[in-house]
């Protein structure tokens, strides 16, 4: 797919005209199967390393946190609501609390 790049993924499986290039990926799997696999794969540069799974959004998160502290000052009576966002995949941040309605997921 990298040798002859198409504008969109679906064009690797289309045959627009007689002289269109043949892509070997469509000899081995259907477009639907490729989309199913691509949904769960993550591509990154080899040199790239993140200190945490949230490393890609760390700068934005810090900016929002600093601006929030400047613009909003909480009063005396403050209530924090906890919840567990359901997640059943693999991640080191998942917690399990058996007494919650959703026992497994991210604590938010």
PDB file of N, CA and C in Angstrom:
ATOM      1  N   UNK A   1       0.828  -1.192   0.000  1.00  0.00           N
ATOM      2  CA  UNK A   1       0.000   0.000   0.000  1.00  0.00           C
ATOM      3  C   UNK A   1       0.873   1.257   0.000  1.00  0.00           C
ATOM      4  N   UNK A   2       2.078   1.123   0.451  1.00  0.00           N
ATOM      5  CA  UNK A   2       2.953   2.289   0.503  1.00  0.00           C
ATOM      6  C   UNK A   2       3.649   2.554  -0.841  1.00  0.00           C
ATOM      7  N   UNK A   3       3.742   1.541  -1.689  1.00  0.00           N
ATOM      8  CA  UNK A   3       4.403   1.715  -2.987  1.00  0.00           C
ATOM      9  C   UNK A   3       3.567   2.596  -3.900  1.00  0.00           C
ATOM     10  N   UNK A   4       2.285   2.310  -3.997  1.00  0.00           N
ATOM     11  CA  UNK A   4       1.379   3.117  -4.814  1.00  0.00           C
ATOM     12  C   UNK A   4       0.238   3.574  -3.924  1.00  0.00           C
ATOM     13  N   UNK A   5       0.294   4.822  -3.488  1.00  0.00           N
ATOM     14  CA  UNK A   5      -0.697   5.317  -2.528  1.00  0.00           C
ATOM     15  C   UNK A   5      -1.952   5.801  -3.241  1.00  0.00           C
ATOM     16  N   UNK A   6      -3.088   5.441  -2.683  1.00  0.00           N
ATOM     17  CA  UNK A   6      -4.393   5.868  -3.187  1.00  0.00           C
ATOM     18  C   UNK A   6      -4.953   6.932  -2.248  1.00  0.00           C
ATOM     19  N   UNK A   7      -5.859   7.790  -2.749  1.00  0.00           N
ATOM     20  CA  UNK A   7      -6.433   8.846  -1.901  1.00  0.00           C
ATOM     21  C   UNK A   7      -7.249   8.318  -0.723  1.00  0.00           C
ATOM     22  N   UNK A   8      -7.902   7.167  -0.886  1.00  0.00           N
ATOM     23  CA  UNK A   8      -8.685   6.608   0.214  1.00  0.00           C
ATOM     24  C   UNK A   8      -8.493   5.097   0.249  1.00  0.00           C
ATOM     25  N   UNK A   9      -8.777   4.499   1.398  1.00  0.00           N
ATOM     26  CA  UNK A   9      -8.563   3.056   1.568  1.00  0.00           C
ATOM     27  C   UNK A   9      -9.441   2.215   0.655  1.00  0.00           C
ATOM     28  N   UNK A  10     -10.668   2.647   0.427  1.00  0.00           N
ATOM     29  CA  UNK A  10     -11.573   1.824  -0.391  1.00  0.00           C
ATOM     30  C   UNK A  10     -11.083   1.672  -1.825  1.00  0.00           C
ATOM     31  N   UNK A  11     -10.243   2.577  -2.288  1.00  0.00           N
ATOM     32  CA  UNK A  11      -9.761   2.503  -3.668  1.00  0.00           C
ATOM     33  C   UNK A  11      -8.745   1.387  -3.893  1.00  0.00           C
ATOM     34  N   UNK A  12      -8.191   0.806  -2.830  1.00  0.00           N
ATOM     35  CA  UNK A  12      -7.289  -0.334  -2.991  1.00  0.00           C
ATOM     36  C   UNK A  12      -8.053  -1.579  -3.435  1.00  0.00           C
ATOM     37  N   UNK A  13      -9.356  -1.632  -3.193  1.00  0.00           N
ATOM     38  CA  UNK A  13     -10.158  -2.788  -3.568  1.00  0.00           C
ATOM     39  C   UNK A  13     -10.992  -2.536  -4.827  1.00  0.00           C
ATOM     40  N   UNK A  14     -11.028  -1.297  -5.317  1.00  0.00           N
ATOM     41  CA  UNK A  14     -11.798  -0.967  -6.517  1.00  0.00           C
ATOM     42  C   UNK A  14     -10.959  -1.202  -7.772  1.00  0.00           C
ATOM     43  N   UNK A  15     -11.613  -1.511  -8.840  1.00  0.00           N
ATOM     44  CA  UNK A  15     -10.958  -1.646 -10.146  1.00  0.00           C
ATOM     45  C   UNK A  15     -11.640  -0.632 -11.051  1.00  0.00           C
ATOM     46  N   UNK A  16     -11.094   0.601 -11.134  1.00  0.00           N
ATOM     47  CA  UNK A  16     -11.739   1.682 -11.862  1.00  0.00           C
ATOM     48  C   UNK A  16     -11.617   1.522 -13.378  1.00  0.00           C
ATOM     49  N   UNK A  17     -10.464   1.089 -13.838  1.00  0.00           N
ATOM     50  CA  UNK A  17     -10.266   0.934 -15.278  1.00  0.00           C
ATOM     51  C   UNK A  17      -9.287  -0.208 -15.525  1.00  0.00           C
ATOM     52  N   UNK A  18      -9.115  -0.575 -16.779  1.00  0.00           N
ATOM     53  CA  UNK A  18      -8.295  -1.740 -17.139  1.00  0.00           C
ATOM     54  C   UNK A  18      -6.833  -1.571 -16.759  1.00  0.00           C
ATOM     55  N   UNK A  19      -6.317  -0.355 -16.783  1.00  0.00           N
ATOM     56  CA  UNK A  19      -4.901  -0.112 -16.481  1.00  0.00           C
ATOM     57  C   UNK A  19      -4.651   0.286 -15.026  1.00  0.00           C
ATOM     58  N   UNK A  20      -5.648   0.113 -14.167  1.00  0.00           N
ATOM     59  CA  UNK A  20      -5.475   0.460 -12.752  1.00  0.00           C
ATOM     60  C   UNK A  20      -4.457  -0.482 -12.122  1.00  0.00           C
ATOM     61  N   UNK A  21      -3.630   0.020 -11.190  1.00  0.00           N
ATOM     62  CA  UNK A  21      -2.641  -0.852 -10.554  1.00  0.00           C
ATOM     63  C   UNK A  21      -3.320  -1.915  -9.692  1.00  0.00           C
ATOM     64  N   UNK A  22      -2.740  -3.091  -9.672  1.00  0.00           N
ATOM     65  CA  UNK A  22      -3.261  -4.155  -8.813  1.00  0.00           C
ATOM     66  C   UNK A  22      -2.522  -4.117  -7.493  1.00  0.00           C
ATOM     67  N   UNK A  23      -3.252  -4.090  -6.437  1.00  0.00           N
ATOM     68  CA  UNK A  23      -2.669  -4.043  -5.095  1.00  0.00           C
ATOM     69  C   UNK A  23      -2.747  -5.439  -4.504  1.00  0.00           C
ATOM     70  N   UNK A  24      -1.632  -5.937  -4.017  1.00  0.00           N
ATOM     71  CA  UNK A  24      -1.593  -7.316  -3.521  1.00  0.00           C
ATOM     72  C   UNK A  24      -2.416  -7.516  -2.257  1.00  0.00           C
ATOM     73  N   UNK A  25      -2.740  -6.455  -1.542  1.00  0.00           N
ATOM     74  CA  UNK A  25      -3.515  -6.617  -0.314  1.00  0.00           C
ATOM     75  C   UNK A  25      -4.895  -7.202  -0.619  1.00  0.00           C
ATOM     76  N   UNK A  26      -5.473  -6.861  -1.775  1.00  0.00           N
ATOM     77  CA  UNK A  26      -6.810  -7.384  -2.069  1.00  0.00           C
ATOM     78  C   UNK A  26      -6.783  -8.831  -2.542  1.00  0.00           C
ATOM     79  N   UNK A  27      -5.616  -9.400  -2.766  1.00  0.00           N
ATOM     80  CA  UNK A  27      -5.512 -10.832  -3.061  1.00  0.00           C
ATOM     81  C   UNK A  27      -5.604 -11.671  -1.789  1.00  0.00           C
ATOM     82  N   UNK A  28      -5.320 -11.086  -0.645  1.00  0.00           N
ATOM     83  CA  UNK A  28      -5.234 -11.836   0.608  1.00  0.00           C
ATOM     84  C   UNK A  28      -6.380 -11.581   1.575  1.00  0.00           C
ATOM     85  N   UNK A  29      -7.018 -10.420   1.494  1.00  0.00           N
ATOM     86  CA  UNK A  29      -8.121 -10.137   2.412  1.00  0.00           C
ATOM     87  C   UNK A  29      -9.103  -9.162   1.783  1.00  0.00           C
ATOM     88  N   UNK A  30     -10.325  -9.235   2.268  1.00  0.00           N
ATOM     89  CA  UNK A  30     -11.364  -8.342   1.765  1.00  0.00           C
ATOM     90  C   UNK A  30     -11.236  -6.973   2.432  1.00  0.00           C
ATOM     91  N   UNK A  31     -11.924  -6.008   1.867  1.00  0.00           N
ATOM     92  CA  UNK A  31     -11.893  -4.656   2.429  1.00  0.00           C
ATOM     93  C   UNK A  31     -12.502  -4.634   3.827  1.00  0.00           C
ATOM     94  N   UNK A  32     -13.569  -5.393   4.020  1.00  0.00           N
ATOM     95  CA  UNK A  32     -14.220  -5.449   5.332  1.00  0.00           C
ATOM     96  C   UNK A  32     -13.286  -6.022   6.393  1.00  0.00           C
ATOM     97  N   UNK A  33     -12.561  -7.086   6.060  1.00  0.00           N
ATOM     98  CA  UNK A  33     -11.633  -7.698   7.019  1.00  0.00           C
ATOM     99  C   UNK A  33     -10.487  -6.739   7.339  1.00  0.00           C
ATOM    100  N   UNK A  34      -9.983  -6.037   6.331  1.00  0.00           N
ATOM    101  CA  UNK A  34      -8.919  -5.064   6.568  1.00  0.00           C
ATOM    102  C   UNK A  34      -9.395  -3.977   7.526  1.00  0.00           C
ATOM    103  N   UNK A  35     -10.620  -3.475   7.344  1.00  0.00           N
ATOM    104  CA  UNK A  35     -11.165  -2.445   8.225  1.00  0.00           C
ATOM    105  C   UNK A  35     -11.334  -2.967   9.647  1.00  0.00           C
ATOM    106  N   UNK A  36     -11.730  -4.243   9.789  1.00  0.00           N
ATOM    107  CA  UNK A  36     -11.869  -4.830  11.122  1.00  0.00           C
ATOM    108  C   UNK A  36     -10.523  -4.903  11.832  1.00  0.00           C
ATOM    109  N   UNK A  37      -9.470  -5.282  11.122  1.00  0.00           N
ATOM    110  CA  UNK A  37      -8.134  -5.352  11.724  1.00  0.00           C
ATOM    111  C   UNK A  37      -7.573  -3.961  11.986  1.00  0.00           C
ATOM    112  N   UNK A  38      -7.753  -3.050  11.039  1.00  0.00           N
ATOM    113  CA  UNK A  38      -7.216  -1.696  11.162  1.00  0.00           C
ATOM    114  C   UNK A  38      -7.840  -0.951  12.335  1.00  0.00           C
ATOM    115  N   UNK A  39      -9.047  -1.308  12.693  1.00  0.00           N
ATOM    116  CA  UNK A  39      -9.740  -0.669  13.811  1.00  0.00           C
ATOM    117  C   UNK A  39      -8.992  -0.856  15.123  1.00  0.00           C
ATOM    118  N   UNK A  40      -8.312  -1.996  15.288  1.00  0.00           N
ATOM    119  CA  UNK A  40      -7.653  -2.313  16.559  1.00  0.00           C
ATOM    120  C   UNK A  40      -6.136  -2.181  16.517  1.00  0.00           C
ATOM    121  N   UNK A  41      -5.568  -1.744  15.399  1.00  0.00           N
ATOM    122  CA  UNK A  41      -4.115  -1.583  15.307  1.00  0.00           C
ATOM    123  C   UNK A  41      -3.735  -0.129  15.480  1.00  0.00           C
ATOM    124  N   UNK A  42      -2.580   0.105  16.057  1.00  0.00           N
ATOM    125  CA  UNK A  42      -2.069   1.450  16.244  1.00  0.00           C
ATOM    126  C   UNK A  42      -0.673   1.501  15.651  1.00  0.00           C
ATOM    127  N   UNK A  43      -0.438   2.474  14.799  1.00  0.00           N
ATOM    128  CA  UNK A  43       0.852   2.608  14.138  1.00  0.00           C
ATOM    129  C   UNK A  43       1.597   3.802  14.722  1.00  0.00           C
ATOM    130  N   UNK A  44       2.892   3.620  14.962  1.00  0.00           N
ATOM    131  CA  UNK A  44       3.711   4.711  15.474  1.00  0.00           C
ATOM    132  C   UNK A  44       5.129   4.561  14.946  1.00  0.00           C
ATOM    133  N   UNK A  45       5.872   5.631  14.999  1.00  0.00           N
ATOM    134  CA  UNK A  45       7.277   5.586  14.600  1.00  0.00           C
ATOM    135  C   UNK A  45       8.061   4.803  15.650  1.00  0.00           C
ATOM    136  N   UNK A  46       9.109   4.119  15.229  1.00  0.00           N
ATOM    137  CA  UNK A  46       9.916   3.321  16.146  1.00  0.00           C
ATOM    138  C   UNK A  46      10.598   4.211  17.172  1.00  0.00           C
ATOM    139  N   UNK A  47      11.059   5.381  16.762  1.00  0.00           N
ATOM    140  CA  UNK A  47      11.778   6.288  17.663  1.00  0.00           C
ATOM    141  C   UNK A  47      10.858   6.918  18.705  1.00  0.00           C
ATOM    142  N   UNK A  48       9.566   6.908  18.436  1.00  0.00           N
ATOM    143  CA  UNK A  48       8.626   7.581  19.304  1.00  0.00           C
ATOM    144  C   UNK A  48       8.363   6.740  20.554  1.00  0.00           C
ATOM    145  N   UNK A  49       8.478   7.341  21.720  1.00  0.00           N
ATOM    146  CA  UNK A  49       8.147   6.632  22.952  1.00  0.00           C
ATOM    147  C   UNK A  49       7.388   7.588  23.867  1.00  0.00           C
ATOM    148  N   UNK A  50       6.403   7.067  24.543  1.00  0.00           N
ATOM    149  CA  UNK A  50       5.600   7.866  25.445  1.00  0.00           C
ATOM    150  C   UNK A  50       5.837   7.395  26.868  1.00  0.00           C
ATOM    151  N   UNK A  51       5.919   8.360  27.790  1.00  0.00           N
ATOM    152  CA  UNK A  51       6.135   8.014  29.190  1.00  0.00           C
ATOM    153  C   UNK A  51       4.873   7.437  29.815  1.00  0.00           C
ATOM    154  N   UNK A  52       3.725   7.821  29.301  1.00  0.00           N
ATOM    155  CA  UNK A  52       2.462   7.277  29.784  1.00  0.00           C
ATOM    156  C   UNK A  52       1.541   7.080  28.594  1.00  0.00           C
ATOM    157  N   UNK A  53       0.453   6.334  28.757  1.00  0.00           N
ATOM    158  CA  UNK A  53      -0.470   6.149  27.639  1.00  0.00           C
ATOM    159  C   UNK A  53      -1.162   7.444  27.226  1.00  0.00           C
ATOM    160  N   UNK A  54      -1.116   8.453  28.091  1.00  0.00           N
ATOM    161  CA  UNK A  54      -1.742   9.731  27.789  1.00  0.00           C
ATOM    162  C   UNK A  54      -0.728  10.769  27.314  1.00  0.00           C
ATOM    163  N   UNK A  55       0.461  10.334  26.943  1.00  0.00           N
ATOM    164  CA  UNK A  55       1.531  11.245  26.543  1.00  0.00           C
ATOM    165  C   UNK A  55       1.195  12.119  25.359  1.00  0.00           C
ATOM    166  N   UNK A  56       0.373  11.615  24.444  1.00  0.00           N
ATOM    167  CA  UNK A  56       0.041  12.386  23.251  1.00  0.00           C
ATOM    168  C   UNK A  56      -0.851  13.571  23.557  1.00  0.00           C
ATOM    169  N   UNK A  57      -1.614  13.523  24.624  1.00  0.00           N
ATOM    170  CA  UNK A  57      -2.517  14.626  24.955  1.00  0.00           C
ATOM    171  C   UNK A  57      -2.075  15.370  26.216  1.00  0.00           C
ATOM    172  N   UNK A  58      -0.868  15.094  26.685  1.00  0.00           N
ATOM    173  CA  UNK A  58      -0.393  15.685  27.947  1.00  0.00           C
ATOM    174  C   UNK A  58      -0.318  17.210  27.868  1.00  0.00           C
ATOM    175  N   UNK A  59       0.237  17.758  26.782  1.00  0.00           N
ATOM    176  CA  UNK A  59       0.379  19.212  26.662  1.00  0.00           C
ATOM    177  C   UNK A  59      -0.981  19.908  26.669  1.00  0.00           C
ATOM    178  N   UNK A  60      -1.930  19.356  25.948  1.00  0.00           N
ATOM    179  CA  UNK A  60      -3.278  19.935  25.927  1.00  0.00           C
ATOM    180  C   UNK A  60      -3.912  19.846  27.312  1.00  0.00           C
ATOM    181  N   UNK A  61      -3.742  18.725  27.989  1.00  0.00           N
ATOM    182  CA  UNK A  61      -4.303  18.550  29.321  1.00  0.00           C
ATOM    183  C   UNK A  61      -3.724  19.564  30.310  1.00  0.00           C
ATOM    184  N   UNK A  62      -2.426  19.780  30.246  1.00  0.00           N
ATOM    185  CA  UNK A  62      -1.793  20.755  31.137  1.00  0.00           C
ATOM    186  C   UNK A  62      -2.275  22.177  30.852  1.00  0.00           C
ATOM    187  N   UNK A  63      -2.441  22.517  29.591  1.00  0.00           N
ATOM    188  CA  UNK A  63      -2.939  23.843  29.225  1.00  0.00           C
ATOM    189  C   UNK A  63      -4.348  24.060  29.780  1.00  0.00           C
ATOM    190  N   UNK A  64      -5.220  23.058  29.609  1.00  0.00           N
ATOM    191  CA  UNK A  64      -6.587  23.168  30.121  1.00  0.00           C
ATOM    192  C   UNK A  64      -6.587  23.275  31.641  1.00  0.00           C
ATOM    193  N   UNK A  65      -5.734  22.497  32.308  1.00  0.00           N
ATOM    194  CA  UNK A  65      -5.669  22.542  33.772  1.00  0.00           C
ATOM    195  C   UNK A  65      -5.221  23.922  34.267  1.00  0.00           C
ATOM    196  N   UNK A  66      -4.191  24.485  33.658  1.00  0.00           N
ATOM    197  CA  UNK A  66      -3.685  25.806  34.085  1.00  0.00           C
ATOM    198  C   UNK A  66      -4.717  26.909  33.848  1.00  0.00           C
ATOM    199  N   UNK A  67      -5.366  26.886  32.673  1.00  0.00           N
ATOM    200  CA  UNK A  67      -6.379  27.899  32.379  1.00  0.00           C
ATOM    201  C   UNK A  67      -7.583  27.756  33.313  1.00  0.00           C
ATOM    202  N   UNK A  68      -7.937  26.534  33.655  1.00  0.00           N
ATOM    203  CA  UNK A  68      -9.066  26.313  34.561  1.00  0.00           C
ATOM    204  C   UNK A  68      -8.769  26.869  35.945  1.00  0.00           C
ATOM    205  N   UNK A  69      -7.541  26.693  36.418  1.00  0.00           N
ATOM    206  CA  UNK A  69      -7.165  27.231  37.730  1.00  0.00           C
ATOM    207  C   UNK A  69      -7.170  28.752  37.739  1.00  0.00           C
ATOM    208  N   UNK A  70      -6.836  29.368  36.598  1.00  0.00           N
ATOM    209  CA  UNK A  70      -6.849  30.835  36.514  1.00  0.00           C
ATOM    210  C   UNK A  70      -8.273  31.385  36.478  1.00  0.00           C
ATOM    211  N   UNK A  71      -9.173  30.688  35.794  1.00  0.00           N
ATOM    212  CA  UNK A  71     -10.503  31.233  35.527  1.00  0.00           C
ATOM    213  C   UNK A  71     -11.565  30.815  36.534  1.00  0.00           C
ATOM    214  N   UNK A  72     -11.359  29.764  37.280  1.00  0.00           N
ATOM    215  CA  UNK A  72     -12.382  29.263  38.183  1.00  0.00           C
ATOM    216  C   UNK A  72     -11.787  29.031  39.561  1.00  0.00           C
ATOM    217  N   UNK A  73     -12.450  29.574  40.597  1.00  0.00           N
ATOM    218  CA  UNK A  73     -12.021  29.391  41.976  1.00  0.00           C
ATOM    219  C   UNK A  73     -13.169  28.723  42.739  1.00  0.00           C
ATOM    220  N   UNK A  74     -12.968  27.478  43.168  1.00  0.00           N
ATOM    221  CA  UNK A  74     -14.061  26.774  43.857  1.00  0.00           C
ATOM    222  C   UNK A  74     -14.364  27.408  45.207  1.00  0.00           C
ATOM    223  N   UNK A  75     -15.625  27.309  45.606  1.00  0.00           N
ATOM    224  CA  UNK A  75     -16.056  27.842  46.898  1.00  0.00           C
ATOM    225  C   UNK A  75     -15.828  26.831  48.012  1.00  0.00           C
ATOM    226  N   UNK A  76     -16.490  27.053  49.151  1.00  0.00           N
ATOM    227  CA  UNK A  76     -16.337  26.177  50.306  1.00  0.00           C
ATOM    228  C   UNK A  76     -16.990  24.819  50.088  1.00  0.00           C
ATOM    229  N   UNK A  77     -18.153  24.824  49.481  1.00  0.00           N
ATOM    230  CA  UNK A  77     -18.928  23.595  49.331  1.00  0.00           C
ATOM    231  C   UNK A  77     -18.715  23.039  47.927  1.00  0.00           C
ATOM    232  N   UNK A  78     -17.963  22.003  47.865  1.00  0.00           N
ATOM    233  CA  UNK A  78     -17.622  21.403  46.580  1.00  0.00           C
ATOM    234  C   UNK A  78     -17.921  19.911  46.630  1.00  0.00           C
ATOM    235  N   UNK A  79     -18.584  19.415  45.622  1.00  0.00           N
ATOM    236  CA  UNK A  79     -18.920  18.001  45.559  1.00  0.00           C
ATOM    237  C   UNK A  79     -18.256  17.397  44.326  1.00  0.00           C
ATOM    238  N   UNK A  80     -17.613  16.258  44.497  1.00  0.00           N
ATOM    239  CA  UNK A  80     -16.966  15.564  43.388  1.00  0.00           C
ATOM    240  C   UNK A  80     -17.714  14.265  43.152  1.00  0.00           C
ATOM    241  N   UNK A  81     -18.143  14.066  41.941  1.00  0.00           N
ATOM    242  CA  UNK A  81     -18.882  12.859  41.596  1.00  0.00           C
ATOM    243  C   UNK A  81     -17.935  11.876  40.918  1.00  0.00           C
ATOM    244  N   UNK A  82     -17.893  10.664  41.420  1.00  0.00           N
ATOM    245  CA  UNK A  82     -17.070   9.615  40.828  1.00  0.00           C
ATOM    246  C   UNK A  82     -17.944   8.675  40.032  1.00  0.00           C
ATOM    247  N   UNK A  83     -17.357   8.108  38.993  1.00  0.00           N
ATOM    248  CA  UNK A  83     -18.057   7.094  38.214  1.00  0.00           C
ATOM    249  C   UNK A  83     -17.021   6.185  37.584  1.00  0.00           C
ATOM    250  N   UNK A  84     -17.483   5.058  37.107  1.00  0.00           N
ATOM    251  CA  UNK A  84     -16.606   4.159  36.370  1.00  0.00           C
ATOM    252  C   UNK A  84     -17.134   4.084  34.945  1.00  0.00           C
ATOM    253  N   UNK A  85     -16.300   4.477  33.996  1.00  0.00           N
ATOM    254  CA  UNK A  85     -16.647   4.377  32.586  1.00  0.00           C
ATOM    255  C   UNK A  85     -16.291   2.969  32.130  1.00  0.00           C
ATOM    256  N   UNK A  86     -17.273   2.235  31.674  1.00  0.00           N
ATOM    257  CA  UNK A  86     -17.067   0.831  31.317  1.00  0.00           C
ATOM    258  C   UNK A  86     -16.035   0.698  30.206  1.00  0.00           C
ATOM    259  N   UNK A  87     -15.101  -0.207  30.402  1.00  0.00           N
ATOM    260  CA  UNK A  87     -14.086  -0.533  29.406  1.00  0.00           C
ATOM    261  C   UNK A  87     -13.686  -1.981  29.627  1.00  0.00           C
ATOM    262  N   UNK A  88     -13.743  -2.789  28.571  1.00  0.00           N
ATOM    263  CA  UNK A  88     -13.443  -4.207  28.723  1.00  0.00           C
ATOM    264  C   UNK A  88     -12.192  -4.634  27.969  1.00  0.00           C
ATOM    265  N   UNK A  89     -11.472  -3.676  27.383  1.00  0.00           N
ATOM    266  CA  UNK A  89     -10.237  -4.004  26.674  1.00  0.00           C
ATOM    267  C   UNK A  89      -9.072  -4.171  27.641  1.00  0.00           C
ATOM    268  N   UNK A  90      -7.863  -4.140  27.089  1.00  0.00           N
ATOM    269  CA  UNK A  90      -6.660  -4.280  27.906  1.00  0.00           C
ATOM    270  C   UNK A  90      -6.013  -2.920  28.108  1.00  0.00           C
ATOM    271  N   UNK A  91      -5.824  -2.531  29.356  1.00  0.00           N
ATOM    272  CA  UNK A  91      -5.138  -1.288  29.705  1.00  0.00           C
ATOM    273  C   UNK A  91      -4.728  -1.382  31.168  1.00  0.00           C
ATOM    274  N   UNK A  92      -3.598  -0.766  31.491  1.00  0.00           N
ATOM    275  CA  UNK A  92      -3.111  -0.832  32.868  1.00  0.00           C
ATOM    276  C   UNK A  92      -3.894   0.095  33.799  1.00  0.00           C
ATOM    277  N   UNK A  93      -4.678   1.033  33.249  1.00  0.00           N
ATOM    278  CA  UNK A  93      -5.417   1.999  34.059  1.00  0.00           C
ATOM    279  C   UNK A  93      -6.784   1.496  34.508  1.00  0.00           C
ATOM    280  N   UNK A  94      -7.187   0.306  34.098  1.00  0.00           N
ATOM    281  CA  UNK A  94      -8.496  -0.242  34.461  1.00  0.00           C
ATOM    282  C   UNK A  94      -8.516  -0.618  35.936  1.00  0.00           C
ATOM    283  N   UNK A  95      -9.623  -0.283  36.591  1.00  0.00           N
ATOM    284  CA  UNK A  95      -9.788  -0.685  37.990  1.00  0.00           C
ATOM    285  C   UNK A  95     -11.034  -1.563  38.101  1.00  0.00           C
ATOM    286  N   UNK A  96     -11.082  -2.345  39.165  1.00  0.00           N
ATOM    287  CA  UNK A  96     -12.219  -3.225  39.417  1.00  0.00           C
ATOM    288  C   UNK A  96     -12.754  -2.935  40.810  1.00  0.00           C
ATOM    289  N   UNK A  97     -14.025  -2.560  40.884  1.00  0.00           N
ATOM    290  CA  UNK A  97     -14.717  -2.375  42.159  1.00  0.00           C
ATOM    291  C   UNK A  97     -15.998  -3.187  42.057  1.00  0.00           C
ATOM    292  N   UNK A  98     -16.053  -4.311  42.749  1.00  0.00           N
ATOM    293  CA  UNK A  98     -17.154  -5.262  42.593  1.00  0.00           C
ATOM    294  C   UNK A  98     -18.502  -4.711  43.054  1.00  0.00           C
ATOM    295  N   UNK A  99     -18.508  -3.719  43.950  1.00  0.00           N
ATOM    296  CA  UNK A  99     -19.764  -3.209  44.480  1.00  0.00           C
ATOM    297  C   UNK A  99     -20.417  -2.157  43.587  1.00  0.00           C
ATOM    298  N   UNK A 100     -19.737  -1.690  42.551  1.00  0.00           N
ATOM    299  CA  UNK A 100     -20.286  -0.686  41.643  1.00  0.00           C
ATOM    300  C   UNK A 100     -21.208  -1.346  40.608  1.00  0.00           C
ATOM    301  N   UNK A 101     -22.168  -0.589  40.060  1.00  0.00           N
ATOM    302  CA  UNK A 101     -23.009  -1.146  39.001  1.00  0.00           C
ATOM    303  C   UNK A 101     -22.205  -1.546  37.760  1.00  0.00           C
ATOM    304  N   UNK A 102     -21.185  -0.773  37.440  1.00  0.00           N
ATOM    305  CA  UNK A 102     -20.243  -1.123  36.380  1.00  0.00           C
ATOM    306  C   UNK A 102     -18.930  -1.447  37.083  1.00  0.00           C
ATOM    307  N   UNK A 103     -18.642  -2.720  37.315  1.00  0.00           N
ATOM    308  CA  UNK A 103     -17.499  -3.082  38.180  1.00  0.00           C
ATOM    309  C   UNK A 103     -16.124  -2.921  37.551  1.00  0.00           C
ATOM    310  N   UNK A 104     -16.012  -2.803  36.232  1.00  0.00           N
ATOM    311  CA  UNK A 104     -14.701  -2.778  35.606  1.00  0.00           C
ATOM    312  C   UNK A 104     -14.624  -1.666  34.573  1.00  0.00           C
ATOM    313  N   UNK A 105     -13.578  -0.830  34.666  1.00  0.00           N
ATOM    314  CA  UNK A 105     -13.414   0.249  33.698  1.00  0.00           C
ATOM    315  C   UNK A 105     -12.491   1.333  34.219  1.00  0.00           C
ATOM    316  N   UNK A 106     -12.607   2.505  33.604  1.00  0.00           N
ATOM    317  CA  UNK A 106     -11.805   3.661  34.004  1.00  0.00           C
ATOM    318  C   UNK A 106     -12.532   4.440  35.088  1.00  0.00           C
ATOM    319  N   UNK A 107     -11.825   4.857  36.116  1.00  0.00           N
ATOM    320  CA  UNK A 107     -12.420   5.674  37.168  1.00  0.00           C
ATOM    321  C   UNK A 107     -12.344   7.135  36.725  1.00  0.00           C
ATOM    322  N   UNK A 108     -13.509   7.768  36.624  1.00  0.00           N
ATOM    323  CA  UNK A 108     -13.565   9.177  36.209  1.00  0.00           C
ATOM    324  C   UNK A 108     -14.261  10.003  37.252  1.00  0.00           C
TER     325      UNK A 108
END
